[in-house]
Amino acid sequence: MSELLDKIERAAERTAGMGVIRQETSPIVETFNGAVVGEGIVHTFWSRDDTVYAWAVEADPEPQYVTVLAKGKINSPLAAVRVWLVSQARK
């Protein structure tokens, strides 16, 4: 496993509060008004209690590791990215 994926998995474990198992990797492209606002790879992890979507975002000086728990309408990698993008726009 790559160092980047190791770090993403550790972030997912912190969010789940326990060990996780990577289930799938999904390429995501999110657009708004015809412009790409998010593009990358989202990893889906499962724990005994939760599903966690996790990915890395380029930031300076090091990547930011983003995790989103599956809850309610957050039921896919794309939904997780959309929720995170909205949260970032509100900051």
N, C-alpha and C. Protein backbone atom coordinates (compact mmCIF):
# COMPACT_ATOMS: atom_id res chain seq x y z
N MET A 1 0.86 -1.18 0.00
CA MET A 1 0.00 0.00 0.00
C MET A 1 0.90 1.23 0.00
N SER A 2 0.50 2.27 -0.70
CA SER A 2 1.31 3.48 -0.79
C SER A 2 1.25 4.27 0.51
N GLU A 3 2.23 5.13 0.70
CA GLU A 3 2.26 5.98 1.89
C GLU A 3 1.04 6.89 1.94
N LEU A 4 0.63 7.42 0.79
CA LEU A 4 -0.55 8.29 0.74
C LEU A 4 -1.80 7.51 1.17
N LEU A 5 -1.98 6.32 0.64
CA LEU A 5 -3.14 5.52 1.00
C LEU A 5 -3.09 5.12 2.48
N ASP A 6 -1.90 4.85 3.00
CA ASP A 6 -1.76 4.56 4.43
C ASP A 6 -2.27 5.74 5.27
N LYS A 7 -1.90 6.94 4.88
CA LYS A 7 -2.33 8.14 5.62
C LYS A 7 -3.84 8.35 5.51
N ILE A 8 -4.39 8.11 4.33
CA ILE A 8 -5.83 8.24 4.15
C ILE A 8 -6.55 7.20 5.02
N GLU A 9 -6.03 5.98 5.06
CA GLU A 9 -6.64 4.93 5.88
C GLU A 9 -6.57 5.29 7.37
N ARG A 10 -5.45 5.82 7.82
CA ARG A 10 -5.33 6.23 9.23
C ARG A 10 -6.33 7.34 9.56
N ALA A 11 -6.55 8.26 8.63
CA ALA A 11 -7.54 9.32 8.85
C ALA A 11 -8.94 8.71 8.96
N ALA A 12 -9.25 7.72 8.11
CA ALA A 12 -10.55 7.05 8.17
C ALA A 12 -10.71 6.31 9.50
N GLU A 13 -9.63 5.70 9.99
CA GLU A 13 -9.69 5.01 11.27
C GLU A 13 -9.95 5.98 12.42
N ARG A 14 -9.33 7.16 12.38
CA ARG A 14 -9.58 8.16 13.42
C ARG A 14 -11.04 8.60 13.40
N THR A 15 -11.59 8.77 12.21
CA THR A 15 -12.99 9.18 12.10
C THR A 15 -13.93 8.08 12.60
N ALA A 16 -13.63 6.83 12.26
CA ALA A 16 -14.48 5.71 12.67
C ALA A 16 -14.25 5.34 14.14
N GLY A 17 -13.10 5.72 14.67
CA GLY A 17 -12.79 5.36 16.05
C GLY A 17 -12.38 3.91 16.20
N MET A 18 -12.01 3.27 15.10
CA MET A 18 -11.59 1.86 15.12
C MET A 18 -10.97 1.53 13.77
N GLY A 19 -10.49 0.29 13.63
CA GLY A 19 -9.92 -0.16 12.37
C GLY A 19 -10.96 -0.16 11.26
N VAL A 20 -10.49 0.02 10.05
CA VAL A 20 -11.38 0.02 8.88
C VAL A 20 -10.80 -0.90 7.80
N ILE A 21 -11.65 -1.28 6.87
CA ILE A 21 -11.25 -2.09 5.72
C ILE A 21 -11.63 -1.31 4.47
N ARG A 22 -10.67 -1.13 3.56
CA ARG A 22 -10.96 -0.42 2.32
C ARG A 22 -11.79 -1.32 1.43
N GLN A 23 -12.93 -0.81 0.97
CA GLN A 23 -13.85 -1.59 0.15
C GLN A 23 -13.77 -1.25 -1.33
N GLU A 24 -13.62 0.04 -1.64
CA GLU A 24 -13.56 0.41 -3.05
C GLU A 24 -12.88 1.75 -3.21
N THR A 25 -12.47 1.99 -4.43
CA THR A 25 -11.84 3.26 -4.81
C THR A 25 -12.64 3.80 -5.99
N SER A 26 -13.06 5.07 -5.89
CA SER A 26 -13.93 5.65 -6.91
C SER A 26 -13.34 6.95 -7.45
N PRO A 27 -13.16 7.05 -8.77
CA PRO A 27 -12.77 8.33 -9.35
C PRO A 27 -13.99 9.27 -9.33
N ILE A 28 -13.76 10.51 -8.95
CA ILE A 28 -14.85 11.49 -8.82
C ILE A 28 -14.50 12.75 -9.60
N VAL A 29 -15.46 13.26 -10.35
CA VAL A 29 -15.36 14.58 -10.98
C VAL A 29 -16.66 15.32 -10.65
N GLU A 30 -16.55 16.42 -9.93
CA GLU A 30 -17.73 17.22 -9.58
C GLU A 30 -17.63 18.56 -10.30
N THR A 31 -18.71 18.95 -10.97
CA THR A 31 -18.74 20.21 -11.70
C THR A 31 -19.83 21.12 -11.13
N PHE A 32 -19.64 22.41 -11.34
CA PHE A 32 -20.64 23.41 -10.96
C PHE A 32 -20.62 24.47 -12.03
N ASN A 33 -21.77 24.71 -12.65
CA ASN A 33 -21.88 25.68 -13.76
C ASN A 33 -20.85 25.40 -14.85
N GLY A 34 -20.64 24.12 -15.13
CA GLY A 34 -19.75 23.73 -16.21
C GLY A 34 -18.28 23.70 -15.86
N ALA A 35 -17.91 24.11 -14.65
CA ALA A 35 -16.49 24.11 -14.24
C ALA A 35 -16.24 22.97 -13.25
N VAL A 36 -15.10 22.34 -13.37
CA VAL A 36 -14.72 21.28 -12.44
C VAL A 36 -14.35 21.93 -11.11
N VAL A 37 -15.04 21.53 -10.04
CA VAL A 37 -14.77 22.08 -8.70
C VAL A 37 -14.17 21.02 -7.77
N GLY A 38 -14.16 19.79 -8.20
CA GLY A 38 -13.56 18.72 -7.42
C GLY A 38 -13.27 17.54 -8.31
N GLU A 39 -12.05 17.02 -8.21
CA GLU A 39 -11.66 15.88 -9.02
C GLU A 39 -10.62 15.08 -8.26
N GLY A 40 -10.79 13.77 -8.21
CA GLY A 40 -9.81 12.94 -7.52
C GLY A 40 -10.34 11.55 -7.27
N ILE A 41 -9.72 10.90 -6.31
CA ILE A 41 -10.04 9.52 -5.96
C ILE A 41 -10.58 9.51 -4.54
N VAL A 42 -11.75 8.90 -4.34
CA VAL A 42 -12.34 8.74 -3.01
C VAL A 42 -12.30 7.26 -2.66
N HIS A 43 -11.81 6.98 -1.46
CA HIS A 43 -11.73 5.61 -0.96
C HIS A 43 -12.88 5.39 0.01
N THR A 44 -13.56 4.27 -0.13
CA THR A 44 -14.64 3.90 0.78
C THR A 44 -14.11 2.85 1.75
N PHE A 45 -14.24 3.14 3.03
CA PHE A 45 -13.79 2.24 4.08
C PHE A 45 -14.99 1.81 4.91
N TRP A 46 -14.97 0.59 5.38
CA TRP A 46 -16.01 0.09 6.27
C TRP A 46 -15.39 -0.28 7.59
N SER A 47 -16.10 0.03 8.66
CA SER A 47 -15.75 -0.46 9.99
C SER A 47 -16.94 -1.26 10.49
N ARG A 48 -16.83 -1.75 11.69
CA ARG A 48 -17.95 -2.51 12.26
C ARG A 48 -19.21 -1.64 12.34
N ASP A 49 -19.04 -0.33 12.58
CA ASP A 49 -20.18 0.55 12.83
C ASP A 49 -20.48 1.55 11.72
N ASP A 50 -19.51 1.88 10.89
CA ASP A 50 -19.68 3.00 9.96
C ASP A 50 -19.07 2.73 8.60
N THR A 51 -19.51 3.52 7.64
CA THR A 51 -18.83 3.66 6.36
C THR A 51 -18.20 5.04 6.35
N VAL A 52 -16.95 5.10 5.94
CA VAL A 52 -16.21 6.37 5.90
C VAL A 52 -15.69 6.57 4.48
N TYR A 53 -15.93 7.75 3.93
CA TYR A 53 -15.36 8.14 2.64
C TYR A 53 -14.16 9.01 2.95
N ALA A 54 -13.04 8.76 2.28
CA ALA A 54 -11.81 9.48 2.60
C ALA A 54 -11.00 9.75 1.34
N TRP A 55 -10.30 10.90 1.36
CA TRP A 55 -9.45 11.27 0.24
C TRP A 55 -8.46 12.32 0.69
N ALA A 56 -7.50 12.59 -0.17
CA ALA A 56 -6.49 13.62 0.10
C ALA A 56 -6.74 14.81 -0.82
N VAL A 57 -6.50 15.99 -0.27
CA VAL A 57 -6.62 17.24 -1.03
C VAL A 57 -5.27 17.94 -0.95
N GLU A 58 -4.77 18.37 -2.09
CA GLU A 58 -3.49 19.07 -2.09
C GLU A 58 -3.61 20.35 -1.28
N ALA A 59 -2.64 20.57 -0.41
CA ALA A 59 -2.57 21.77 0.42
C ALA A 59 -1.10 22.05 0.68
N ASP A 60 -0.82 23.25 1.10
CA ASP A 60 0.56 23.64 1.37
C ASP A 60 0.77 23.74 2.86
N PRO A 61 1.70 23.09 3.46
CA PRO A 61 2.83 22.39 2.85
C PRO A 61 2.59 20.90 2.64
N GLU A 62 1.52 20.33 3.21
CA GLU A 62 1.24 18.91 3.08
C GLU A 62 -0.21 18.68 2.71
N PRO A 63 -0.53 17.52 2.14
CA PRO A 63 -1.93 17.23 1.80
C PRO A 63 -2.83 17.27 3.03
N GLN A 64 -4.08 17.59 2.79
CA GLN A 64 -5.11 17.53 3.83
C GLN A 64 -5.86 16.23 3.60
N TYR A 65 -6.12 15.48 4.68
CA TYR A 65 -6.84 14.22 4.57
C TYR A 65 -8.27 14.46 5.02
N VAL A 66 -9.20 14.24 4.11
CA VAL A 66 -10.61 14.54 4.34
C VAL A 66 -11.35 13.22 4.59
N THR A 67 -12.20 13.22 5.61
CA THR A 67 -13.04 12.05 5.88
C THR A 67 -14.47 12.52 6.11
N VAL A 68 -15.41 11.74 5.61
CA VAL A 68 -16.83 12.04 5.78
C VAL A 68 -17.53 10.73 6.13
N LEU A 69 -18.27 10.75 7.22
CA LEU A 69 -19.06 9.57 7.60
C LEU A 69 -20.31 9.47 6.75
N ALA A 70 -20.67 8.26 6.38
CA ALA A 70 -21.92 8.02 5.67
C ALA A 70 -23.07 8.18 6.67
N LYS A 71 -23.90 9.16 6.45
CA LYS A 71 -25.07 9.42 7.30
C LYS A 71 -26.17 10.00 6.41
N GLY A 72 -27.39 9.57 6.60
CA GLY A 72 -28.51 10.15 5.86
C GLY A 72 -28.29 10.12 4.36
N LYS A 73 -28.30 11.30 3.75
CA LYS A 73 -28.15 11.40 2.30
C LYS A 73 -26.70 11.27 1.83
N ILE A 74 -25.76 11.19 2.77
CA ILE A 74 -24.37 10.96 2.40
C ILE A 74 -24.20 9.45 2.27
N ASN A 75 -24.49 8.96 1.07
CA ASN A 75 -24.53 7.51 0.86
C ASN A 75 -23.69 7.06 -0.35
N SER A 76 -22.79 7.94 -0.79
CA SER A 76 -21.92 7.60 -1.91
C SER A 76 -20.67 8.47 -1.84
N PRO A 77 -19.61 8.07 -2.53
CA PRO A 77 -18.42 8.92 -2.57
C PRO A 77 -18.72 10.32 -3.12
N LEU A 78 -19.52 10.40 -4.17
CA LEU A 78 -19.83 11.71 -4.74
C LEU A 78 -20.62 12.58 -3.76
N ALA A 79 -21.56 12.00 -3.04
CA ALA A 79 -22.32 12.77 -2.03
C ALA A 79 -21.39 13.28 -0.95
N ALA A 80 -20.40 12.47 -0.55
CA ALA A 80 -19.44 12.91 0.47
C ALA A 80 -18.63 14.10 -0.03
N VAL A 81 -18.17 14.03 -1.28
CA VAL A 81 -17.41 15.15 -1.85
C VAL A 81 -18.27 16.40 -1.92
N ARG A 82 -19.52 16.26 -2.33
CA ARG A 82 -20.41 17.43 -2.42
C ARG A 82 -20.61 18.09 -1.06
N VAL A 83 -20.82 17.28 -0.03
CA VAL A 83 -21.01 17.84 1.32
C VAL A 83 -19.76 18.57 1.76
N TRP A 84 -18.60 17.99 1.51
CA TRP A 84 -17.35 18.63 1.90
C TRP A 84 -17.13 19.93 1.12
N LEU A 85 -17.40 19.91 -0.19
CA LEU A 85 -17.23 21.13 -0.99
C LEU A 85 -18.13 22.27 -0.48
N VAL A 86 -19.37 21.95 -0.15
CA VAL A 86 -20.29 22.95 0.39
C VAL A 86 -19.75 23.49 1.71
N SER A 87 -19.24 22.60 2.56
CA SER A 87 -18.70 23.06 3.86
C SER A 87 -17.51 23.98 3.66
N GLN A 88 -16.70 23.72 2.64
CA GLN A 88 -15.53 24.58 2.37
C GLN A 88 -15.96 25.93 1.81
N ALA A 89 -17.01 25.92 1.01
CA ALA A 89 -17.51 27.18 0.43
C ALA A 89 -18.08 28.10 1.49
N ARG A 90 -18.59 27.52 2.58
CA ARG A 90 -19.19 28.32 3.66
C ARG A 90 -18.15 28.90 4.61
N LYS A 91 -16.90 28.47 4.51
CA LYS A 91 -15.85 28.97 5.42
C LYS A 91 -15.41 30.36 5.02
